Amino acid sequence: MTPDIIAQMKAEQADLRRKLEAIQAVLAAYGVTDTAAPATTARTGALLATTSKVPPLRERVPLSRFSEYGAQVVNAALHVVQARSSGPVLTRDLVAEIEKMGIEIRGNDKVNALSALLARSADLVSHGRRGWTASEDADARLDALLGELKAQHQRVTASREQDSSSEEEPNADLNDEEAANIFR
């Protein structure tokens, strides 16, 4: 082994130790305290055994379980995501679009605040740094709603057409002059 390779490996080892310490600090912040695996035994199995006490992720919830503010923000984000069909939408782009709608995103770091809200939503799926898309459930609910609205529109249109045709039938035998006399 050359001295350069040995130096690179030692630098990598030091970097990995720093990363392990950072991970242990985060786990300790969540109440996981027995993460101190000896560096010589930090194989995958041993590491998994020491980190298995990580608390479960927060439950993903529908819009109805958010506060009024949260539901408004998540609904606006869902609207933006569904309006774009070109793939995931970046969180910073969602912040800009939502604020254009006149909805304020609370918090010092608006991108992080929005990301935290969206991460709880059952209607949106995170793709990490690539952004957010609508969940299949949200798309299915939207499709069902659109189908329902189209059916309702067809019923209203048919009803109006029927009403207008039934109004014309009694006067169908009148000529233009007789029709004009009706309104005098």
N, C-alpha and C. Protein backbone atom coordinates (compact mmCIF):
# COMPACT_ATOMS: atom_id res chain seq x y z
N MET A 1 0.84 -1.17 0.00
CA MET A 1 0.00 0.00 0.00
C MET A 1 0.89 1.24 0.00
N THR A 2 0.52 2.20 -0.81
CA THR A 2 1.34 3.41 -0.90
C THR A 2 0.98 4.37 0.22
N PRO A 3 1.88 5.27 0.56
CA PRO A 3 1.59 6.25 1.63
C PRO A 3 0.38 7.13 1.30
N ASP A 4 0.15 7.42 0.02
CA ASP A 4 -1.01 8.22 -0.35
C ASP A 4 -2.32 7.50 -0.04
N ILE A 5 -2.36 6.23 -0.36
CA ILE A 5 -3.58 5.44 -0.10
C ILE A 5 -3.82 5.34 1.40
N ILE A 6 -2.76 5.12 2.17
CA ILE A 6 -2.89 5.03 3.63
C ILE A 6 -3.41 6.36 4.17
N ALA A 7 -2.91 7.47 3.69
CA ALA A 7 -3.36 8.79 4.14
C ALA A 7 -4.83 9.01 3.79
N GLN A 8 -5.25 8.59 2.58
CA GLN A 8 -6.66 8.71 2.18
C GLN A 8 -7.55 7.86 3.06
N MET A 9 -7.10 6.66 3.38
CA MET A 9 -7.90 5.76 4.22
C MET A 9 -8.03 6.33 5.64
N LYS A 10 -6.96 6.91 6.19
CA LYS A 10 -7.03 7.50 7.52
C LYS A 10 -7.96 8.71 7.52
N ALA A 11 -7.91 9.50 6.46
CA ALA A 11 -8.81 10.65 6.35
C ALA A 11 -10.26 10.17 6.27
N GLU A 12 -10.50 9.13 5.52
CA GLU A 12 -11.85 8.55 5.41
C GLU A 12 -12.31 8.01 6.75
N GLN A 13 -11.41 7.35 7.48
CA GLN A 13 -11.73 6.81 8.79
C GLN A 13 -12.11 7.95 9.74
N ALA A 14 -11.36 9.03 9.74
CA ALA A 14 -11.67 10.18 10.60
C ALA A 14 -13.02 10.79 10.21
N ASP A 15 -13.29 10.87 8.91
CA ASP A 15 -14.56 11.40 8.43
C ASP A 15 -15.72 10.52 8.88
N LEU A 16 -15.54 9.22 8.79
CA LEU A 16 -16.60 8.30 9.22
C LEU A 16 -16.84 8.40 10.72
N ARG A 17 -15.79 8.58 11.50
CA ARG A 17 -15.95 8.75 12.95
C ARG A 17 -16.76 10.02 13.24
N ARG A 18 -16.45 11.12 12.52
CA ARG A 18 -17.22 12.36 12.71
C ARG A 18 -18.69 12.13 12.36
N LYS A 19 -18.95 11.42 11.28
CA LYS A 19 -20.33 11.15 10.87
C LYS A 19 -21.05 10.29 11.91
N LEU A 20 -20.35 9.27 12.44
CA LEU A 20 -20.95 8.41 13.46
C LEU A 20 -21.29 9.21 14.71
N GLU A 21 -20.38 10.09 15.11
CA GLU A 21 -20.63 10.94 16.28
C GLU A 21 -21.84 11.84 16.04
N ALA A 22 -21.97 12.38 14.83
CA ALA A 22 -23.12 13.24 14.51
C ALA A 22 -24.41 12.44 14.56
N ILE A 23 -24.39 11.23 14.03
CA ILE A 23 -25.59 10.38 14.06
C ILE A 23 -25.95 10.03 15.50
N GLN A 24 -24.94 9.71 16.31
CA GLN A 24 -25.20 9.39 17.71
C GLN A 24 -25.78 10.59 18.45
N ALA A 25 -25.32 11.79 18.11
CA ALA A 25 -25.86 13.00 18.75
C ALA A 25 -27.33 13.20 18.39
N VAL A 26 -27.67 12.96 17.14
CA VAL A 26 -29.06 13.09 16.71
C VAL A 26 -29.93 12.05 17.42
N LEU A 27 -29.46 10.82 17.44
CA LEU A 27 -30.22 9.77 18.12
C LEU A 27 -30.38 10.07 19.61
N ALA A 28 -29.34 10.60 20.23
CA ALA A 28 -29.42 10.96 21.64
C ALA A 28 -30.46 12.06 21.85
N ALA A 29 -30.56 12.98 20.89
CA ALA A 29 -31.55 14.05 20.98
C ALA A 29 -32.96 13.48 20.95
N TYR A 30 -33.15 12.32 20.34
CA TYR A 30 -34.46 11.66 20.29
C TYR A 30 -34.62 10.62 21.38
N GLY A 31 -33.72 10.63 22.33
CA GLY A 31 -33.87 9.75 23.48
C GLY A 31 -33.24 8.38 23.32
N VAL A 32 -32.54 8.12 22.27
CA VAL A 32 -31.86 6.85 22.08
C VAL A 32 -30.47 7.02 22.66
N THR A 33 -30.18 6.29 23.75
CA THR A 33 -28.93 6.56 24.45
C THR A 33 -27.87 5.49 24.29
N ASP A 34 -28.21 4.27 23.93
CA ASP A 34 -27.18 3.23 23.87
C ASP A 34 -26.65 3.03 22.44
N THR A 35 -26.23 4.11 21.82
CA THR A 35 -25.74 4.03 20.45
C THR A 35 -24.23 3.95 20.36
N ALA A 36 -23.56 3.87 21.48
CA ALA A 36 -22.09 3.87 21.48
C ALA A 36 -21.56 2.48 21.14
N ALA A 37 -21.57 2.15 19.88
CA ALA A 37 -20.99 0.88 19.44
C ALA A 37 -19.50 1.09 19.24
N PRO A 38 -18.68 0.17 19.72
CA PRO A 38 -17.25 0.32 19.51
C PRO A 38 -16.94 0.42 18.02
N ALA A 39 -15.99 1.28 17.67
CA ALA A 39 -15.65 1.51 16.26
C ALA A 39 -15.22 0.22 15.58
N THR A 40 -14.63 -0.70 16.30
CA THR A 40 -14.15 -1.93 15.69
C THR A 40 -15.28 -2.92 15.39
N THR A 41 -16.45 -2.75 16.04
CA THR A 41 -17.56 -3.68 15.81
C THR A 41 -18.74 -3.00 15.14
N ALA A 42 -18.53 -1.89 14.50
CA ALA A 42 -19.62 -1.13 13.90
C ALA A 42 -19.99 -1.69 12.53
N ARG A 43 -20.18 -2.98 12.47
CA ARG A 43 -20.68 -3.58 11.24
C ARG A 43 -22.18 -3.32 11.14
N THR A 44 -22.74 -3.61 10.02
CA THR A 44 -24.15 -3.31 9.80
C THR A 44 -25.04 -3.90 10.88
N GLY A 45 -24.88 -5.17 11.20
CA GLY A 45 -25.73 -5.82 12.21
C GLY A 45 -25.62 -5.18 13.56
N ALA A 46 -24.40 -4.90 14.00
CA ALA A 46 -24.19 -4.27 15.31
C ALA A 46 -24.74 -2.87 15.32
N LEU A 47 -24.56 -2.14 14.24
CA LEU A 47 -25.07 -0.77 14.17
C LEU A 47 -26.59 -0.75 14.19
N LEU A 48 -27.20 -1.67 13.44
CA LEU A 48 -28.66 -1.75 13.45
C LEU A 48 -29.18 -2.10 14.83
N ALA A 49 -28.50 -2.99 15.52
CA ALA A 49 -28.93 -3.38 16.86
C ALA A 49 -28.89 -2.21 17.82
N THR A 50 -27.91 -1.33 17.67
CA THR A 50 -27.80 -0.21 18.59
C THR A 50 -28.73 0.94 18.23
N THR A 51 -29.23 0.99 17.02
CA THR A 51 -30.10 2.10 16.61
C THR A 51 -31.55 1.67 16.46
N SER A 52 -31.91 0.48 16.88
CA SER A 52 -33.27 -0.02 16.67
C SER A 52 -34.29 0.65 17.57
N LYS A 53 -33.86 1.49 18.50
CA LYS A 53 -34.81 2.13 19.41
C LYS A 53 -35.22 3.51 18.94
N VAL A 54 -35.02 3.82 17.67
CA VAL A 54 -35.43 5.11 17.12
C VAL A 54 -36.95 5.19 17.17
N PRO A 55 -37.50 6.29 17.67
CA PRO A 55 -38.96 6.39 17.76
C PRO A 55 -39.58 6.33 16.37
N PRO A 56 -40.81 5.83 16.29
CA PRO A 56 -41.46 5.73 14.98
C PRO A 56 -41.71 7.11 14.38
N LEU A 57 -41.80 7.15 13.06
CA LEU A 57 -42.10 8.41 12.38
C LEU A 57 -43.49 8.88 12.76
N ARG A 58 -43.69 10.17 12.66
CA ARG A 58 -45.01 10.71 12.94
C ARG A 58 -46.02 10.20 11.94
N GLU A 59 -47.21 9.98 12.41
CA GLU A 59 -48.28 9.48 11.56
C GLU A 59 -48.61 10.49 10.46
N ARG A 60 -48.79 9.97 9.25
CA ARG A 60 -49.21 10.83 8.13
C ARG A 60 -50.73 10.93 8.21
N VAL A 61 -51.24 12.13 8.08
CA VAL A 61 -52.66 12.36 8.32
C VAL A 61 -53.32 13.05 7.14
N PRO A 62 -54.66 12.89 7.01
CA PRO A 62 -55.40 13.58 5.95
C PRO A 62 -55.58 15.05 6.32
N LEU A 63 -56.01 15.84 5.35
CA LEU A 63 -56.22 17.28 5.56
C LEU A 63 -57.13 17.57 6.75
N SER A 64 -58.11 16.73 6.96
CA SER A 64 -59.09 16.97 8.02
C SER A 64 -58.46 16.94 9.41
N ARG A 65 -57.27 16.38 9.55
CA ARG A 65 -56.62 16.29 10.86
C ARG A 65 -55.64 17.44 11.11
N PHE A 66 -55.48 18.35 10.15
CA PHE A 66 -54.62 19.51 10.32
C PHE A 66 -55.40 20.65 10.95
N SER A 67 -54.68 21.59 11.54
CA SER A 67 -55.33 22.83 12.00
C SER A 67 -55.81 23.58 10.76
N GLU A 68 -56.58 24.63 10.97
CA GLU A 68 -57.08 25.42 9.84
C GLU A 68 -55.91 25.95 9.00
N TYR A 69 -54.90 26.47 9.70
CA TYR A 69 -53.71 27.00 9.00
C TYR A 69 -52.99 25.89 8.24
N GLY A 70 -52.74 24.77 8.91
CA GLY A 70 -52.02 23.67 8.27
C GLY A 70 -52.77 23.12 7.07
N ALA A 71 -54.08 22.97 7.21
CA ALA A 71 -54.89 22.46 6.10
C ALA A 71 -54.85 23.42 4.92
N GLN A 72 -54.87 24.71 5.20
CA GLN A 72 -54.83 25.71 4.13
C GLN A 72 -53.51 25.62 3.37
N VAL A 73 -52.41 25.52 4.10
CA VAL A 73 -51.09 25.46 3.47
C VAL A 73 -50.91 24.16 2.69
N VAL A 74 -51.27 23.03 3.31
CA VAL A 74 -51.12 21.73 2.64
C VAL A 74 -52.02 21.66 1.41
N ASN A 75 -53.24 22.16 1.52
CA ASN A 75 -54.16 22.15 0.39
C ASN A 75 -53.61 22.99 -0.77
N ALA A 76 -53.03 24.13 -0.44
CA ALA A 76 -52.43 24.99 -1.47
C ALA A 76 -51.25 24.27 -2.13
N ALA A 77 -50.42 23.62 -1.34
CA ALA A 77 -49.28 22.87 -1.89
C ALA A 77 -49.78 21.74 -2.78
N LEU A 78 -50.81 21.05 -2.35
CA LEU A 78 -51.38 19.96 -3.14
C LEU A 78 -51.91 20.49 -4.47
N HIS A 79 -52.54 21.63 -4.42
CA HIS A 79 -53.06 22.26 -5.64
C HIS A 79 -51.92 22.55 -6.62
N VAL A 80 -50.83 23.12 -6.12
CA VAL A 80 -49.68 23.45 -6.97
C VAL A 80 -49.07 22.18 -7.55
N VAL A 81 -48.88 21.17 -6.70
CA VAL A 81 -48.26 19.91 -7.15
C VAL A 81 -49.12 19.24 -8.21
N GLN A 82 -50.43 19.22 -8.02
CA GLN A 82 -51.30 18.56 -8.98
C GLN A 82 -51.43 19.35 -10.27
N ALA A 83 -51.22 20.67 -10.20
CA ALA A 83 -51.31 21.49 -11.41
C ALA A 83 -50.10 21.27 -12.32
N ARG A 84 -49.00 20.86 -11.73
CA ARG A 84 -47.79 20.60 -12.51
C ARG A 84 -47.69 19.10 -12.76
N SER A 85 -47.51 18.73 -14.00
CA SER A 85 -47.42 17.31 -14.32
C SER A 85 -46.00 16.91 -14.70
N SER A 86 -45.06 17.81 -14.45
CA SER A 86 -43.69 17.55 -14.90
C SER A 86 -42.81 16.90 -13.84
N GLY A 87 -43.39 16.32 -12.82
CA GLY A 87 -42.60 15.65 -11.79
C GLY A 87 -42.63 16.39 -10.48
N PRO A 88 -41.72 16.01 -9.56
CA PRO A 88 -41.71 16.62 -8.23
C PRO A 88 -41.50 18.13 -8.28
N VAL A 89 -42.11 18.82 -7.32
CA VAL A 89 -41.99 20.28 -7.20
C VAL A 89 -41.11 20.57 -5.98
N LEU A 90 -40.08 21.36 -6.17
CA LEU A 90 -39.17 21.71 -5.08
C LEU A 90 -39.91 22.47 -3.99
N THR A 91 -39.49 22.26 -2.75
CA THR A 91 -40.14 22.93 -1.62
C THR A 91 -40.03 24.45 -1.75
N ARG A 92 -38.88 24.96 -2.16
CA ARG A 92 -38.74 26.42 -2.29
C ARG A 92 -39.67 26.97 -3.36
N ASP A 93 -39.94 26.18 -4.42
CA ASP A 93 -40.89 26.61 -5.44
C ASP A 93 -42.31 26.60 -4.88
N LEU A 94 -42.61 25.62 -4.04
CA LEU A 94 -43.93 25.58 -3.39
C LEU A 94 -44.12 26.80 -2.49
N VAL A 95 -43.08 27.16 -1.74
CA VAL A 95 -43.16 28.34 -0.88
C VAL A 95 -43.53 29.56 -1.73
N ALA A 96 -42.83 29.75 -2.83
CA ALA A 96 -43.09 30.91 -3.70
C ALA A 96 -44.52 30.89 -4.24
N GLU A 97 -44.96 29.74 -4.72
CA GLU A 97 -46.31 29.63 -5.30
C GLU A 97 -47.40 29.85 -4.25
N ILE A 98 -47.20 29.29 -3.07
CA ILE A 98 -48.20 29.43 -2.00
C ILE A 98 -48.28 30.88 -1.55
N GLU A 99 -47.14 31.53 -1.44
CA GLU A 99 -47.15 32.93 -1.03
C GLU A 99 -47.77 33.82 -2.11
N LYS A 100 -47.64 33.44 -3.39
CA LYS A 100 -48.32 34.18 -4.46
C LYS A 100 -49.83 34.12 -4.29
N MET A 101 -50.31 33.03 -3.69
CA MET A 101 -51.75 32.86 -3.45
C MET A 101 -52.22 33.70 -2.26
N GLY A 102 -51.27 34.36 -1.59
CA GLY A 102 -51.62 35.18 -0.44
C GLY A 102 -51.66 34.42 0.86
N ILE A 103 -51.09 33.24 0.88
CA ILE A 103 -51.07 32.42 2.10
C ILE A 103 -49.68 32.54 2.72
N GLU A 104 -49.64 32.96 3.98
CA GLU A 104 -48.37 33.13 4.67
C GLU A 104 -47.90 31.80 5.23
N ILE A 105 -46.63 31.51 5.04
CA ILE A 105 -46.03 30.33 5.66
C ILE A 105 -45.29 30.82 6.89
N ARG A 106 -45.70 30.31 8.04
CA ARG A 106 -45.14 30.78 9.30
C ARG A 106 -43.79 30.12 9.58
N GLY A 107 -42.94 30.86 10.27
CA GLY A 107 -41.65 30.32 10.67
C GLY A 107 -40.50 31.13 10.12
N ASN A 108 -39.35 31.04 10.78
CA ASN A 108 -38.17 31.78 10.33
C ASN A 108 -37.63 31.20 9.03
N ASP A 109 -37.62 29.89 8.91
CA ASP A 109 -37.15 29.23 7.68
C ASP A 109 -38.38 28.63 7.00
N LYS A 110 -38.92 29.35 6.05
CA LYS A 110 -40.18 28.97 5.42
C LYS A 110 -40.09 27.63 4.70
N VAL A 111 -38.94 27.34 4.09
CA VAL A 111 -38.78 26.06 3.38
C VAL A 111 -38.87 24.91 4.38
N ASN A 112 -38.17 25.03 5.52
CA ASN A 112 -38.23 23.97 6.54
C ASN A 112 -39.61 23.87 7.15
N ALA A 113 -40.25 25.01 7.40
CA ALA A 113 -41.59 25.00 7.99
C ALA A 113 -42.58 24.30 7.07
N LEU A 114 -42.51 24.63 5.78
CA LEU A 114 -43.42 23.98 4.82
C LEU A 114 -43.11 22.50 4.71
N SER A 115 -41.85 22.15 4.66
CA SER A 115 -41.46 20.75 4.55
C SER A 115 -41.98 19.94 5.74
N ALA A 116 -41.91 20.52 6.93
CA ALA A 116 -42.42 19.84 8.12
C ALA A 116 -43.91 19.60 8.03
N LEU A 117 -44.66 20.59 7.54
CA LEU A 117 -46.11 20.42 7.38
C LEU A 117 -46.42 19.34 6.34
N LEU A 118 -45.75 19.43 5.20
CA LEU A 118 -46.04 18.50 4.10
C LEU A 118 -45.66 17.07 4.46
N ALA A 119 -44.62 16.92 5.28
CA ALA A 119 -44.18 15.57 5.66
C ALA A 119 -45.25 14.84 6.47
N ARG A 120 -46.12 15.57 7.13
CA ARG A 120 -47.21 14.95 7.90
C ARG A 120 -48.42 14.59 7.05
N SER A 121 -48.47 15.13 5.84
CA SER A 121 -49.66 14.97 5.01
C SER A 121 -49.68 13.62 4.30
N ALA A 122 -50.83 12.97 4.36
CA ALA A 122 -51.02 11.71 3.64
C ALA A 122 -51.23 11.96 2.15
N ASP A 123 -51.44 13.22 1.77
CA ASP A 123 -51.75 13.54 0.38
C ASP A 123 -50.52 13.86 -0.46
N LEU A 124 -49.36 14.03 0.19
CA LEU A 124 -48.15 14.39 -0.54
C LEU A 124 -47.03 13.39 -0.24
N VAL A 125 -46.17 13.19 -1.22
CA VAL A 125 -45.05 12.27 -1.09
C VAL A 125 -43.76 13.04 -1.31
N SER A 126 -42.83 12.88 -0.37
CA SER A 126 -41.54 13.53 -0.50
C SER A 126 -40.60 12.69 -1.36
N HIS A 127 -39.87 13.37 -2.20
CA HIS A 127 -38.83 12.72 -3.00
C HIS A 127 -37.48 13.33 -2.65
N GLY A 128 -37.31 13.64 -1.36
CA GLY A 128 -36.06 14.22 -0.89
C GLY A 128 -35.81 15.57 -1.52
N ARG A 129 -34.61 15.78 -1.96
CA ARG A 129 -34.23 17.07 -2.53
C ARG A 129 -34.90 17.34 -3.88
N ARG A 130 -35.47 16.31 -4.49
CA ARG A 130 -36.13 16.51 -5.78
C ARG A 130 -37.49 17.17 -5.65
N GLY A 131 -38.11 17.09 -4.47
CA GLY A 131 -39.37 17.79 -4.28
C GLY A 131 -40.52 16.90 -3.85
N TRP A 132 -41.74 17.34 -4.16
CA TRP A 132 -42.98 16.71 -3.69
C TRP A 132 -43.89 16.37 -4.87
N THR A 133 -44.61 15.26 -4.73
CA THR A 133 -45.66 14.91 -5.67
C THR A 133 -46.91 14.53 -4.86
N ALA A 134 -48.02 14.48 -5.55
CA ALA A 134 -49.26 14.05 -4.89
C ALA A 134 -49.22 12.55 -4.70
N SER A 135 -49.77 12.08 -3.59
CA SER A 135 -49.84 10.65 -3.36
C SER A 135 -50.87 10.04 -4.29
N GLU A 136 -50.81 8.75 -4.49
CA GLU A 136 -51.79 8.07 -5.34
C GLU A 136 -53.19 8.25 -4.78
N ASP A 137 -53.31 8.24 -3.44
CA ASP A 137 -54.62 8.43 -2.81
C ASP A 137 -55.18 9.81 -3.14
N ALA A 138 -54.32 10.82 -3.09
CA ALA A 138 -54.77 12.19 -3.40
C ALA A 138 -55.20 12.28 -4.85
N ASP A 139 -54.42 11.65 -5.75
CA ASP A 139 -54.80 11.65 -7.17
C ASP A 139 -56.13 10.93 -7.37
N ALA A 140 -56.33 9.82 -6.67
CA ALA A 140 -57.58 9.07 -6.80
C ALA A 140 -58.76 9.90 -6.28
N ARG A 141 -58.55 10.59 -5.14
CA ARG A 141 -59.62 11.45 -4.60
C ARG A 141 -59.93 12.59 -5.57
N LEU A 142 -58.88 13.17 -6.17
CA LEU A 142 -59.09 14.25 -7.14
C LEU A 142 -59.84 13.74 -8.36
N ASP A 143 -59.46 12.57 -8.87
CA ASP A 143 -60.16 11.99 -10.02
C ASP A 143 -61.62 11.73 -9.70
N ALA A 144 -61.89 11.21 -8.50
CA ALA A 144 -63.27 10.95 -8.09
C ALA A 144 -64.06 12.25 -7.99
N LEU A 145 -63.43 13.28 -7.42
CA LEU A 145 -64.09 14.58 -7.30
C LEU A 145 -64.37 15.17 -8.67
N LEU A 146 -63.40 15.09 -9.58
CA LEU A 146 -63.62 15.60 -10.93
C LEU A 146 -64.73 14.84 -11.63
N GLY A 147 -64.76 13.53 -11.47
CA GLY A 147 -65.84 12.73 -12.05
C GLY A 147 -67.20 13.13 -11.51
N GLU A 148 -67.24 13.37 -10.20
CA GLU A 148 -68.48 13.79 -9.55
C GLU A 148 -68.92 15.16 -10.07
N LEU A 149 -67.97 16.09 -10.20
CA LEU A 149 -68.30 17.42 -10.72
C LEU A 149 -68.78 17.37 -12.16
N LYS A 150 -68.14 16.53 -12.98
CA LYS A 150 -68.58 16.39 -14.38
C LYS A 150 -69.99 15.83 -14.45
N ALA A 151 -70.27 14.82 -13.62
CA ALA A 151 -71.61 14.24 -13.62
C ALA A 151 -72.65 15.27 -13.17
N GLN A 152 -72.30 16.05 -12.15
CA GLN A 152 -73.21 17.08 -11.67
C GLN A 152 -73.43 18.14 -12.75
N HIS A 153 -72.37 18.51 -13.44
CA HIS A 153 -72.49 19.49 -14.53
C HIS A 153 -73.41 18.96 -15.63
N GLN A 154 -73.27 17.68 -15.98
CA GLN A 154 -74.11 17.08 -17.01
C GLN A 154 -75.58 17.06 -16.58
N ARG A 155 -75.83 16.76 -15.28
CA ARG A 155 -77.21 16.75 -14.78
C ARG A 155 -77.82 18.14 -14.85
N VAL A 156 -77.05 19.16 -14.44
CA VAL A 156 -77.55 20.54 -14.46
C VAL A 156 -77.80 20.98 -15.89
N THR A 157 -76.88 20.67 -16.79
CA THR A 157 -77.05 21.04 -18.19
C THR A 157 -78.27 20.37 -18.79
N ALA A 158 -78.44 19.07 -18.52
CA ALA A 158 -79.61 18.35 -19.04
C ALA A 158 -80.90 18.92 -18.47
N SER A 159 -80.88 19.28 -17.19
CA SER A 159 -82.07 19.85 -16.55
C SER A 159 -82.42 21.19 -17.17
N ARG A 160 -81.41 22.01 -17.42
CA ARG A 160 -81.66 23.32 -18.05
C ARG A 160 -82.21 23.15 -19.47
N GLU A 161 -81.63 22.22 -20.21
CA GLU A 161 -82.11 21.98 -21.57
C GLU A 161 -83.55 21.50 -21.55
N GLN A 162 -83.87 20.63 -20.59
CA GLN A 162 -85.24 20.11 -20.49
C GLN A 162 -86.19 21.25 -20.11
N ASP A 163 -85.78 22.11 -19.17
CA ASP A 163 -86.62 23.23 -18.76
C ASP A 163 -86.84 24.19 -19.92
N SER A 164 -85.81 24.48 -20.68
CA SER A 164 -85.97 25.43 -21.79
C SER A 164 -86.81 24.82 -22.91
N SER A 165 -86.70 23.54 -23.15
CA SER A 165 -87.50 22.92 -24.21
C SER A 165 -88.96 22.79 -23.78
N SER A 166 -89.21 22.57 -22.49
CA SER A 166 -90.60 22.45 -22.04
C SER A 166 -91.29 23.81 -22.04
N GLU A 167 -90.54 24.89 -21.86
CA GLU A 167 -91.13 26.23 -21.92
C GLU A 167 -91.51 26.58 -23.35
N GLU A 168 -90.78 26.11 -24.32
CA GLU A 168 -91.04 26.45 -25.72
C GLU A 168 -92.20 25.65 -26.29
N GLU A 169 -92.46 24.48 -25.78
CA GLU A 169 -93.47 23.60 -26.36
C GLU A 169 -94.87 24.19 -26.39
N PRO A 170 -95.37 24.82 -25.32
CA PRO A 170 -96.73 25.35 -25.40
C PRO A 170 -96.87 26.44 -26.46
N ASN A 171 -95.83 27.18 -26.72
CA ASN A 171 -95.90 28.27 -27.68
C ASN A 171 -95.36 27.87 -29.04
N ALA A 172 -95.14 26.61 -29.27
CA ALA A 172 -94.52 26.17 -30.51
C ALA A 172 -95.40 26.45 -31.72
N ASP A 173 -96.72 26.54 -31.54
CA ASP A 173 -97.61 26.76 -32.66
C ASP A 173 -97.80 28.25 -32.96
N LEU A 174 -97.25 29.15 -32.15
CA LEU A 174 -97.42 30.57 -32.37
C LEU A 174 -96.47 31.06 -33.45
N ASN A 175 -96.97 32.02 -34.23
CA ASN A 175 -96.03 32.65 -35.17
C ASN A 175 -95.36 33.82 -34.46
N ASP A 176 -94.47 34.51 -35.13
CA ASP A 176 -93.70 35.58 -34.50
C ASP A 176 -94.57 36.70 -33.99
N GLU A 177 -95.63 37.04 -34.73
CA GLU A 177 -96.50 38.14 -34.32
C GLU A 177 -97.28 37.76 -33.05
N GLU A 178 -97.79 36.55 -32.98
CA GLU A 178 -98.54 36.10 -31.80
C GLU A 178 -97.61 36.02 -30.59
N ALA A 179 -96.38 35.57 -30.81
CA ALA A 179 -95.42 35.49 -29.71
C ALA A 179 -95.11 36.90 -29.18
N ALA A 180 -95.00 37.87 -30.06
CA ALA A 180 -94.72 39.24 -29.66
C ALA A 180 -95.87 39.83 -28.86
N ASN A 181 -97.11 39.45 -29.20
CA ASN A 181 -98.29 39.96 -28.47
C ASN A 181 -98.36 39.45 -27.04
N ILE A 182 -97.77 38.32 -26.79
CA ILE A 182 -97.79 37.76 -25.44
C ILE A 182 -97.07 38.67 -24.48
N PHE A 183 -96.02 39.32 -24.92
CA PHE A 183 -95.20 40.15 -24.03
C PHE A 183 -95.65 41.61 -24.00
N ARG A 184 -96.78 41.98 -24.64
CA ARG A 184 -97.27 43.37 -24.61
C ARG A 184 -98.18 43.60 -23.49
